[in-house]
Amino acid sequence: MTQVTINSVSGFTLPFSGVACDVYGNQCQSVGVISSLPDTITLPSPEFDAAPAFGLKLIDVNGCEIFEVLQC
């Protein structure tokens, strides 16, 4: 089980949805709603257990979206 802690996000309005994807932004799966920071999300198993990197997409209540590739 891989966990990621989100400490801060600039320019976003809480709450926002977290989505884990492959590094190309495909095969995405919801990882929950973040309503306060810092927050820890758990990545879906087994898809992300051995991945060397993954994409994290955050979508706020206004529809703003950010996507970042993170190394595991």
C-alpha atoms as a PDB file:
ATOM      1  CA  MET A   1       0.000   0.000   0.000  1.00  0.00           C
ATOM      2  CA  THR A   2       1.461   3.331  -1.092  1.00  0.00           C
ATOM      3  CA  GLN A   3       0.469   6.531   0.684  1.00  0.00           C
ATOM      4  CA  VAL A   4       1.064  10.136  -0.308  1.00  0.00           C
ATOM      5  CA  THR A   5       0.771  13.154   1.977  1.00  0.00           C
ATOM      6  CA  ILE A   6      -0.419  16.400   0.422  1.00  0.00           C
ATOM      7  CA  ASN A   7       0.812  19.313   2.524  1.00  0.00           C
ATOM      8  CA  SER A   8      -0.287  22.282   0.430  1.00  0.00           C
ATOM      9  CA  VAL A   9      -1.733  23.262  -2.933  1.00  0.00           C
ATOM     10  CA  SER A  10      -1.562  26.813  -4.291  1.00  0.00           C
ATOM     11  CA  GLY A  11      -4.548  28.447  -5.945  1.00  0.00           C
ATOM     12  CA  PHE A  12      -7.064  25.703  -5.147  1.00  0.00           C
ATOM     13  CA  THR A  13     -10.329  25.911  -3.220  1.00  0.00           C
ATOM     14  CA  LEU A  14     -11.051  23.135  -0.732  1.00  0.00           C
ATOM     15  CA  PRO A  15     -12.460  20.545  -0.971  1.00  0.00           C
ATOM     16  CA  PHE A  16     -10.885  18.894  -3.996  1.00  0.00           C
ATOM     17  CA  SER A  17     -10.924  15.414  -5.487  1.00  0.00           C
ATOM     18  CA  GLY A  18      -7.809  13.300  -5.752  1.00  0.00           C
ATOM     19  CA  VAL A  19      -7.305  10.987  -8.728  1.00  0.00           C
ATOM     20  CA  ALA A  20      -4.355   8.617  -9.256  1.00  0.00           C
ATOM     21  CA  CYS A  21      -3.354   7.887 -12.879  1.00  0.00           C
ATOM     22  CA  ASP A  22      -0.502   6.384 -14.819  1.00  0.00           C
ATOM     23  CA  VAL A  23       2.222   8.879 -15.770  1.00  0.00           C
ATOM     24  CA  TYR A  24       0.411   9.675 -19.037  1.00  0.00           C
ATOM     25  CA  GLY A  25      -2.828  10.666 -17.273  1.00  0.00           C
ATOM     26  CA  ASN A  26      -4.659   7.484 -18.271  1.00  0.00           C
ATOM     27  CA  GLN A  27      -6.242   4.630 -16.307  1.00  0.00           C
ATOM     28  CA  CYS A  28      -7.290   6.978 -13.507  1.00  0.00           C
ATOM     29  CA  GLN A  29      -8.896   5.936 -10.237  1.00  0.00           C
ATOM     30  CA  SER A  30     -10.416   8.127  -7.545  1.00  0.00           C
ATOM     31  CA  VAL A  31      -8.477   8.259  -4.273  1.00  0.00           C
ATOM     32  CA  GLY A  32     -10.990  10.375  -2.369  1.00  0.00           C
ATOM     33  CA  VAL A  33     -11.951  13.911  -1.446  1.00  0.00           C
ATOM     34  CA  ILE A  34      -9.488  16.132   0.387  1.00  0.00           C
ATOM     35  CA  SER A  35     -11.242  18.630   2.647  1.00  0.00           C
ATOM     36  CA  SER A  36      -8.345  19.835   4.807  1.00  0.00           C
ATOM     37  CA  LEU A  37      -4.551  19.949   4.533  1.00  0.00           C
ATOM     38  CA  PRO A  38      -2.291  18.217   5.223  1.00  0.00           C
ATOM     39  CA  ASP A  39      -4.038  14.995   4.188  1.00  0.00           C
ATOM     40  CA  THR A  40      -2.760  11.516   3.339  1.00  0.00           C
ATOM     41  CA  ILE A  41      -4.236   9.540   0.468  1.00  0.00           C
ATOM     42  CA  THR A  42      -3.806   5.841  -0.214  1.00  0.00           C
ATOM     43  CA  LEU A  43      -3.132   4.754  -3.789  1.00  0.00           C
ATOM     44  CA  PRO A  44      -5.156   1.838  -5.179  1.00  0.00           C
ATOM     45  CA  SER A  45      -3.552  -1.612  -4.927  1.00  0.00           C
ATOM     46  CA  PRO A  46      -2.145  -3.512  -6.779  1.00  0.00           C
ATOM     47  CA  GLU A  47      -1.897  -1.061  -9.694  1.00  0.00           C
ATOM     48  CA  PHE A  48       0.367   1.390  -7.894  1.00  0.00           C
ATOM     49  CA  ASP A  49       2.249  -0.893  -5.464  1.00  0.00           C
ATOM     50  CA  ALA A  50       5.260  -1.455  -7.742  1.00  0.00           C
ATOM     51  CA  ALA A  51       5.003   1.641  -9.925  1.00  0.00           C
ATOM     52  CA  PRO A  52       8.184   3.749 -10.045  1.00  0.00           C
ATOM     53  CA  ALA A  53       6.038   6.857 -10.675  1.00  0.00           C
ATOM     54  CA  PHE A  54       2.382   7.856 -10.948  1.00  0.00           C
ATOM     55  CA  GLY A  55       0.298  10.863 -11.891  1.00  0.00           C
ATOM     56  CA  LEU A  56      -1.716  12.711  -9.279  1.00  0.00           C
ATOM     57  CA  LYS A  57      -4.597  14.803 -10.536  1.00  0.00           C
ATOM     58  CA  LEU A  58      -6.389  17.225  -8.209  1.00  0.00           C
ATOM     59  CA  ILE A  59      -9.714  18.820  -9.174  1.00  0.00           C
ATOM     60  CA  ASP A  60     -11.199  21.577  -7.006  1.00  0.00           C
ATOM     61  CA  VAL A  61     -14.835  22.633  -6.568  1.00  0.00           C
ATOM     62  CA  ASN A  62     -14.435  25.267  -9.315  1.00  0.00           C
ATOM     63  CA  GLY A  63     -13.275  22.681 -11.856  1.00  0.00           C
ATOM     64  CA  CYS A  64      -9.623  23.770 -11.732  1.00  0.00           C
ATOM     65  CA  GLU A  65      -7.295  20.868 -12.385  1.00  0.00           C
ATOM     66  CA  ILE A  66      -3.629  20.172 -11.721  1.00  0.00           C
ATOM     67  CA  PHE A  67      -1.688  17.073 -12.780  1.00  0.00           C
ATOM     68  CA  GLU A  68       1.775  16.207 -11.540  1.00  0.00           C
ATOM     69  CA  VAL A  69       3.952  13.120 -12.016  1.00  0.00           C
ATOM     70  CA  LEU A  70       5.410  11.956  -8.699  1.00  0.00           C
ATOM     71  CA  GLN A  71       8.293   9.515  -8.216  1.00  0.00           C
ATOM     72  CA  CYS A  72       7.720   6.681  -5.757  1.00  0.00           C
END
